[in-house]
Amino acid sequence: MHIFPLLQLSGVSKKNETGFQLNNISFTQQYLQPVAIAGETGSGKSTILKIIGGLVQPDTGSVIFEDSRVKGPHEQLIPGHPRIAYLSQHFELRNHYRVAEELDYVNKLTEESADSIFGLCRVKHLLSRWTTELSGGERQRVALTRSLLSAPKLLLLDEPYSNLDLANKQILKQVIEDISNQLKISILMVSHEPDDLLPWAEEILILRQGRIIEKGTPEQLYRAPVHLYTAGLLGKYNIIPYNLLPGAKEEATTMILRPEDCSITSDKKKSGQSIAATVANSYYYGHSSEIELSLNDIKHRITVRTCEKRIYAKGEKVFIRMDFSRILQVEN
């Protein structure tokens, strides 16, 4: 059992040349706890990772890793921390090198341990290839392998699934799972894709304009977000007009409902508290469909997510039922 957390940020702030500023970033990550940082583009996610990795100097605050302060590039000749690996979303590899040469250049492990990592990262069959011959997914796995050969205790992943096709994304997700389970390496991931974060993370930090505005488990943030911004980062939602709720008074907050908390019926009698609607659009996703409905009595649209096999035709008259017990009242 560890006495101290793996990672602790306290009051970290950083202002860059454009005027953007990280403000008072504080959080803790335990050993082997999968933590994710979510936020829109330009919110400061990558800057936080680089500060943690010792690649960017914070203006104020401290980063404590395994009970020792991480030094920034202004405090040491070679930037970075020997036990923290940072994989950028660009995963640069040197040209005119074979993969084996690229990996051997940074390897600090025994031949047996390195070979085990090659297998785990699915790159053994690539060792004789030139780095310029690799596909995007292959280049990323090689770059990930390279970062693991320094024997890190913490792996920082910056948008690891961006620009990957579905097949390569699935491979990389399994590799990342294996890294944590088999190598016992803790992972901190940055992403803005809910499908990548919700099933994986134990805790998600929501970053907006350089500030952490919320943090919690995936279920807490998806089902009970405080901010509309958080709700939108983690999935689709419907804004519910106040006149659909008996006795509701319009306030400064917004009422939303997730698409899966609505259902469609063609029979008004079976729909309970039903609302007449017309099918505006239907989108098929394989595992589910999303039906966009135009409410007949007011100029408003609601999206319903359903696993029904039935196909709804555009212009079809239906009734919609909303589970008002799942309404979320959020701050704008």
Protein backbone atom coordinates (compact mmCIF):
# COMPACT_ATOMS: atom_id res chain seq x y z
CA MET A 1 0.00 0.00 0.00
CA HIS A 2 1.34 3.44 -0.97
CA ILE A 3 1.52 6.11 1.71
CA PHE A 4 1.50 9.00 -0.78
CA PRO A 5 -0.50 9.51 -3.96
CA LEU A 6 1.31 8.93 -7.24
CA LEU A 7 0.72 12.47 -8.47
CA GLN A 8 -0.43 15.69 -6.84
CA LEU A 9 -0.84 19.09 -8.46
CA SER A 10 -1.28 22.07 -6.16
CA GLY A 11 -2.18 25.54 -7.41
CA VAL A 12 -0.51 25.15 -10.80
CA SER A 13 -0.85 28.21 -13.05
CA LYS A 14 0.72 29.10 -16.38
CA LYS A 15 0.26 32.04 -18.72
CA ASN A 16 1.50 31.72 -22.30
CA GLU A 17 2.55 34.29 -24.88
CA THR A 18 -0.99 34.54 -26.32
CA GLY A 19 -2.45 35.54 -22.97
CA PHE A 20 -4.12 32.17 -22.25
CA GLN A 21 -3.75 31.09 -18.66
CA LEU A 22 -4.08 27.92 -16.65
CA ASN A 23 -5.56 28.91 -13.31
CA ASN A 24 -4.95 27.16 -10.00
CA ILE A 25 -4.98 23.55 -11.27
CA SER A 26 -5.11 21.12 -8.34
CA PHE A 27 -5.87 17.40 -8.34
CA THR A 28 -4.53 14.05 -7.16
CA GLN A 29 -4.00 10.75 -8.97
CA GLN A 30 -3.52 7.49 -7.08
CA TYR A 31 -1.32 4.61 -8.23
CA LEU A 32 -2.91 2.73 -11.16
CA GLN A 33 -5.96 5.03 -11.10
CA PRO A 34 -7.04 5.81 -14.69
CA VAL A 35 -7.68 9.57 -14.77
CA ALA A 36 -8.87 11.58 -17.77
CA ILE A 37 -8.92 15.30 -18.52
CA ALA A 38 -11.71 16.44 -20.84
CA GLY A 39 -12.23 19.84 -22.36
CA GLU A 40 -12.76 21.70 -25.59
CA THR A 41 -9.87 22.54 -27.91
CA GLY A 42 -7.72 25.28 -26.41
CA SER A 43 -8.82 24.70 -22.82
CA GLY A 44 -5.28 23.88 -21.65
CA LYS A 45 -5.30 20.08 -21.54
CA SER A 46 -1.97 19.54 -23.32
CA THR A 47 -0.28 22.25 -21.27
CA ILE A 48 -1.21 20.44 -18.06
CA LEU A 49 0.32 17.20 -19.34
CA LYS A 50 3.54 18.97 -20.35
CA ILE A 51 3.82 20.64 -16.95
CA ILE A 52 3.34 17.27 -15.23
CA GLY A 53 6.01 15.73 -17.47
CA GLY A 54 8.51 18.47 -16.66
CA LEU A 55 8.45 19.81 -20.22
CA VAL A 56 6.83 23.19 -19.43
CA GLN A 57 7.70 25.40 -16.48
CA PRO A 58 4.66 26.46 -14.39
CA ASP A 59 4.49 30.07 -13.23
CA THR A 60 3.17 29.07 -9.81
CA GLY A 61 2.27 25.91 -7.94
CA SER A 62 3.91 22.51 -7.71
CA VAL A 63 3.77 19.04 -9.22
CA ILE A 64 4.60 16.26 -6.77
CA PHE A 65 5.34 12.84 -8.25
CA GLU A 66 6.04 9.93 -5.90
CA ASP A 67 6.54 12.43 -3.06
CA SER A 68 9.17 14.46 -4.95
CA ARG A 69 8.70 17.74 -6.83
CA VAL A 70 8.88 17.58 -10.62
CA LYS A 71 11.40 20.12 -11.90
CA GLY A 72 10.58 22.22 -14.95
CA PRO A 73 12.87 22.87 -17.94
CA HIS A 74 14.19 26.09 -16.36
CA GLU A 75 15.65 24.02 -13.49
CA GLN A 76 17.50 21.26 -15.34
CA LEU A 77 19.62 20.82 -18.42
CA ILE A 78 17.47 18.12 -20.07
CA PRO A 79 13.68 18.70 -19.77
CA GLY A 80 11.48 15.89 -18.58
CA HIS A 81 11.23 13.37 -15.76
CA PRO A 82 12.85 9.91 -16.05
CA ARG A 83 9.80 8.09 -14.65
CA ILE A 84 7.14 10.06 -16.53
CA ALA A 85 6.56 9.43 -20.25
CA TYR A 86 4.65 11.90 -22.41
CA LEU A 87 3.17 10.78 -25.75
CA SER A 88 2.04 13.76 -27.80
CA GLN A 89 -0.79 13.54 -30.30
CA HIS A 90 1.76 13.97 -33.10
CA PHE A 91 3.88 10.92 -32.05
CA GLU A 92 6.95 12.06 -34.00
CA LEU A 93 9.40 9.40 -35.21
CA ARG A 94 12.79 10.01 -36.82
CA ASN A 95 12.96 9.46 -40.57
CA HIS A 96 15.53 7.23 -42.30
CA TYR A 97 15.56 4.77 -39.39
CA ARG A 98 14.23 1.27 -39.11
CA VAL A 99 11.77 0.70 -36.28
CA ALA A 100 14.25 -1.52 -34.44
CA GLU A 101 16.88 1.25 -34.56
CA GLU A 102 14.39 3.87 -33.39
CA LEU A 103 13.46 1.74 -30.39
CA ASP A 104 16.98 0.59 -29.55
CA TYR A 105 18.09 4.22 -29.34
CA VAL A 106 16.01 4.83 -26.19
CA ASN A 107 15.83 1.32 -24.70
CA LYS A 108 16.76 1.06 -21.02
CA LEU A 109 15.36 -2.45 -20.50
CA THR A 110 16.74 -5.97 -20.82
CA GLU A 111 16.26 -7.73 -24.14
CA GLU A 112 13.60 -9.96 -22.58
CA SER A 113 11.62 -7.05 -21.09
CA ALA A 114 11.85 -5.04 -24.30
CA ASP A 115 10.65 -8.01 -26.35
CA SER A 116 7.67 -8.36 -24.02
CA ILE A 117 6.73 -4.71 -24.64
CA PHE A 118 7.11 -5.19 -28.42
CA GLY A 119 4.54 -7.97 -28.20
CA LEU A 120 2.22 -6.05 -25.92
CA CYS A 121 2.23 -3.03 -28.26
CA ARG A 122 1.78 -5.21 -31.37
CA VAL A 123 4.95 -3.95 -33.10
CA LYS A 124 7.11 -7.09 -33.42
CA HIS A 125 6.22 -7.49 -37.08
CA LEU A 126 7.22 -3.87 -37.71
CA LEU A 127 10.79 -3.96 -36.38
CA SER A 128 12.45 -4.34 -39.79
CA ARG A 129 10.31 -1.66 -41.45
CA TRP A 130 11.42 1.92 -42.08
CA THR A 131 9.58 4.49 -39.97
CA THR A 132 8.47 6.26 -43.15
CA GLU A 133 6.68 3.08 -44.29
CA LEU A 134 4.36 2.93 -41.28
CA SER A 135 0.66 3.78 -41.29
CA GLY A 136 -0.71 6.29 -38.78
CA GLY A 137 -1.85 3.59 -36.36
CA GLU A 138 1.49 1.76 -36.65
CA ARG A 139 3.47 4.96 -36.08
CA GLN A 140 1.46 5.66 -32.95
CA ARG A 141 2.04 2.18 -31.52
CA VAL A 142 5.77 2.46 -32.24
CA ALA A 143 5.89 5.86 -30.53
CA LEU A 144 4.02 4.38 -27.57
CA THR A 145 6.48 1.47 -27.44
CA ARG A 146 9.36 3.95 -27.47
CA SER A 147 7.92 5.78 -24.46
CA LEU A 148 7.57 2.53 -22.51
CA LEU A 149 11.20 1.52 -23.06
CA SER A 150 12.27 4.17 -20.55
CA ALA A 151 10.44 2.19 -17.81
CA PRO A 152 8.04 4.96 -16.72
CA LYS A 153 5.71 4.79 -13.75
CA LEU A 154 3.27 7.33 -15.24
CA LEU A 155 2.22 7.54 -18.89
CA LEU A 156 0.73 10.80 -20.16
CA LEU A 157 -1.41 10.33 -23.28
CA ASP A 158 -2.42 13.41 -25.28
CA GLU A 159 -5.44 12.63 -27.49
CA PRO A 160 -4.16 9.10 -28.24
CA TYR A 161 -7.13 8.15 -30.46
CA SER A 162 -7.26 11.25 -32.65
CA ASN A 163 -7.00 10.59 -36.39
CA LEU A 164 -7.21 6.80 -35.97
CA ASP A 165 -9.64 4.63 -37.88
CA LEU A 166 -11.92 2.35 -35.87
CA ALA A 167 -9.76 -0.77 -36.32
CA ASN A 168 -6.57 0.93 -35.12
CA LYS A 169 -8.44 2.63 -32.30
CA GLN A 170 -9.68 -0.72 -31.00
CA ILE A 171 -6.14 -2.14 -31.12
CA LEU A 172 -4.73 0.86 -29.27
CA LYS A 173 -7.45 0.69 -26.60
CA GLN A 174 -6.51 -2.92 -25.87
CA VAL A 175 -2.81 -1.99 -25.78
CA ILE A 176 -3.48 0.80 -23.27
CA GLU A 177 -5.52 -1.59 -21.13
CA ASP A 178 -2.65 -4.11 -21.21
CA ILE A 179 -0.09 -1.45 -20.29
CA SER A 180 -1.98 -0.71 -17.09
CA ASN A 181 -2.81 -4.32 -16.18
CA GLN A 182 0.41 -6.08 -17.18
CA LEU A 183 3.11 -3.43 -16.78
CA LYS A 184 1.45 -1.73 -13.77
CA ILE A 185 1.91 1.72 -15.28
CA SER A 186 -0.48 4.49 -14.25
CA ILE A 187 -2.10 6.47 -17.07
CA LEU A 188 -3.36 10.05 -17.32
CA MET A 189 -5.21 10.67 -20.57
CA VAL A 190 -6.43 13.79 -22.33
CA SER A 191 -9.35 13.52 -24.74
CA HIS A 192 -12.58 15.20 -25.80
CA GLU A 193 -14.35 12.04 -27.02
CA PRO A 194 -16.88 10.66 -24.50
CA ASP A 195 -16.78 7.14 -26.00
CA ASP A 196 -13.06 7.01 -25.19
CA LEU A 197 -13.33 8.41 -21.66
CA LEU A 198 -16.54 7.15 -20.06
CA PRO A 199 -15.79 3.38 -20.19
CA TRP A 200 -12.12 3.82 -19.24
CA ALA A 201 -11.64 6.46 -16.55
CA GLU A 202 -12.26 6.18 -12.83
CA GLU A 203 -12.21 9.96 -12.51
CA ILE A 204 -12.67 12.70 -15.11
CA LEU A 205 -11.55 16.31 -14.70
CA ILE A 206 -13.51 18.86 -16.74
CA LEU A 207 -11.35 21.72 -17.97
CA ARG A 208 -12.78 24.97 -19.32
CA GLN A 209 -10.76 28.04 -20.25
CA GLY A 210 -7.85 26.99 -18.08
CA ARG A 211 -9.86 26.03 -15.00
CA ILE A 212 -11.11 22.72 -13.60
CA ILE A 213 -14.84 23.36 -13.22
CA GLU A 214 -15.93 19.84 -12.25
CA LYS A 215 -14.49 16.44 -11.40
CA GLY A 216 -16.03 13.12 -10.54
CA THR A 217 -16.68 9.59 -11.73
CA PRO A 218 -17.91 9.13 -15.31
CA GLU A 219 -21.39 8.24 -14.04
CA GLN A 220 -21.57 11.29 -11.77
CA LEU A 221 -20.57 13.69 -14.52
CA TYR A 222 -22.80 12.10 -17.17
CA ARG A 223 -25.88 11.71 -14.99
CA ALA A 224 -25.55 14.73 -12.70
CA PRO A 225 -23.38 17.43 -14.31
CA VAL A 226 -23.39 20.88 -12.76
CA HIS A 227 -22.66 22.69 -16.00
CA LEU A 228 -24.20 22.51 -19.47
CA TYR A 229 -20.63 22.52 -20.79
CA THR A 230 -19.89 19.27 -18.94
CA ALA A 231 -23.09 17.65 -20.16
CA GLY A 232 -22.19 18.48 -23.76
CA LEU A 233 -18.63 17.18 -23.47
CA LEU A 234 -19.81 13.76 -22.31
CA GLY A 235 -22.76 13.16 -24.64
CA LYS A 236 -25.77 14.46 -26.50
CA TYR A 237 -28.65 16.10 -24.69
CA ASN A 238 -32.04 17.68 -25.35
CA ILE A 239 -32.93 21.08 -23.96
CA ILE A 240 -36.42 20.78 -22.48
CA PRO A 241 -38.69 23.85 -22.79
CA TYR A 242 -40.21 24.95 -19.49
CA ASN A 243 -43.74 24.83 -20.91
CA LEU A 244 -43.49 21.03 -21.22
CA LEU A 245 -43.19 20.65 -17.45
CA PRO A 246 -46.29 21.32 -15.35
CA GLY A 247 -45.65 24.08 -12.84
CA ALA A 248 -42.06 24.70 -13.97
CA LYS A 249 -40.84 28.28 -13.80
CA GLU A 250 -38.16 29.62 -16.09
CA GLU A 251 -34.92 30.30 -14.24
CA ALA A 252 -31.29 31.04 -15.04
CA THR A 253 -30.57 27.32 -15.32
CA THR A 254 -31.28 25.01 -18.27
CA MET A 255 -33.21 21.75 -18.15
CA ILE A 256 -31.86 18.89 -20.25
CA LEU A 257 -32.66 15.25 -20.88
CA ARG A 258 -30.42 12.62 -22.45
CA PRO A 259 -31.73 11.03 -25.70
CA GLU A 260 -31.92 7.57 -24.08
CA ASP A 261 -34.32 8.96 -21.46
CA CYS A 262 -36.96 9.55 -24.15
CA SER A 263 -38.98 6.96 -26.03
CA ILE A 264 -41.30 6.79 -29.03
CA THR A 265 -44.69 5.13 -29.42
CA SER A 266 -47.26 5.20 -32.18
CA ASP A 267 -50.06 4.57 -29.68
CA LYS A 268 -51.07 7.57 -27.58
CA LYS A 269 -52.84 5.41 -25.01
CA LYS A 270 -49.64 3.52 -24.21
CA SER A 271 -47.44 6.53 -24.04
CA GLY A 272 -48.49 7.88 -20.65
CA GLN A 273 -47.66 11.57 -20.58
CA SER A 274 -47.46 11.74 -24.35
CA ILE A 275 -46.49 14.56 -26.68
CA ALA A 276 -47.45 14.51 -30.35
CA ALA A 277 -44.49 14.71 -32.69
CA THR A 278 -43.40 14.19 -36.28
CA VAL A 279 -40.27 12.34 -37.39
CA ALA A 280 -37.87 14.90 -38.87
CA ASN A 281 -34.79 12.70 -39.38
CA SER A 282 -33.54 9.22 -38.54
CA TYR A 283 -29.87 8.27 -38.09
CA TYR A 284 -28.76 4.63 -37.98
CA TYR A 285 -25.60 3.77 -35.99
CA GLY A 286 -25.73 -0.03 -36.05
CA HIS A 287 -26.01 -0.63 -32.30
CA SER A 288 -28.72 2.03 -32.02
CA SER A 289 -30.61 4.72 -33.91
CA GLU A 290 -31.23 8.36 -33.15
CA ILE A 291 -34.61 9.76 -34.18
CA GLU A 292 -35.00 13.53 -34.43
CA LEU A 293 -38.58 14.55 -33.68
CA SER A 294 -40.33 17.83 -34.25
CA LEU A 295 -42.89 18.55 -31.53
CA ASN A 296 -46.20 19.38 -33.16
CA ASP A 297 -47.48 21.97 -30.69
CA ILE A 298 -44.29 24.03 -30.34
CA LYS A 299 -41.33 24.80 -32.57
CA HIS A 300 -38.87 22.51 -30.84
CA ARG A 301 -36.99 19.30 -31.65
CA ILE A 302 -36.13 16.35 -29.45
CA THR A 303 -33.69 13.53 -30.22
CA VAL A 304 -34.51 10.01 -29.04
CA ARG A 305 -31.93 7.21 -28.87
CA THR A 306 -33.43 3.76 -29.35
CA CYS A 307 -32.30 0.17 -29.89
CA GLU A 308 -35.53 -0.71 -31.66
CA LYS A 309 -35.17 -2.50 -34.98
CA ARG A 310 -38.09 -0.56 -36.37
CA ILE A 311 -37.34 2.07 -39.01
CA TYR A 312 -39.15 5.38 -38.55
CA ALA A 313 -40.00 7.18 -41.78
CA LYS A 314 -39.50 10.90 -42.22
CA GLY A 315 -42.84 12.67 -41.74
CA GLU A 316 -44.32 9.80 -39.68
CA LYS A 317 -46.69 10.91 -36.88
CA VAL A 318 -45.76 9.47 -33.48
CA PHE A 319 -45.91 10.25 -29.77
CA ILE A 320 -42.93 10.88 -27.56
CA ARG A 321 -42.66 10.09 -23.87
CA MET A 322 -39.99 11.72 -21.71
CA ASP A 323 -38.80 10.38 -18.38
CA PHE A 324 -39.06 13.66 -16.49
CA SER A 325 -37.56 12.00 -13.41
CA ARG A 326 -34.23 12.04 -15.30
CA ILE A 327 -34.34 15.76 -16.04
CA LEU A 328 -31.03 17.49 -15.30
CA GLN A 329 -31.01 21.13 -14.22
CA VAL A 330 -27.64 22.61 -15.18
CA GLU A 331 -25.88 25.97 -15.12
CA ASN A 332 -25.28 27.65 -18.46
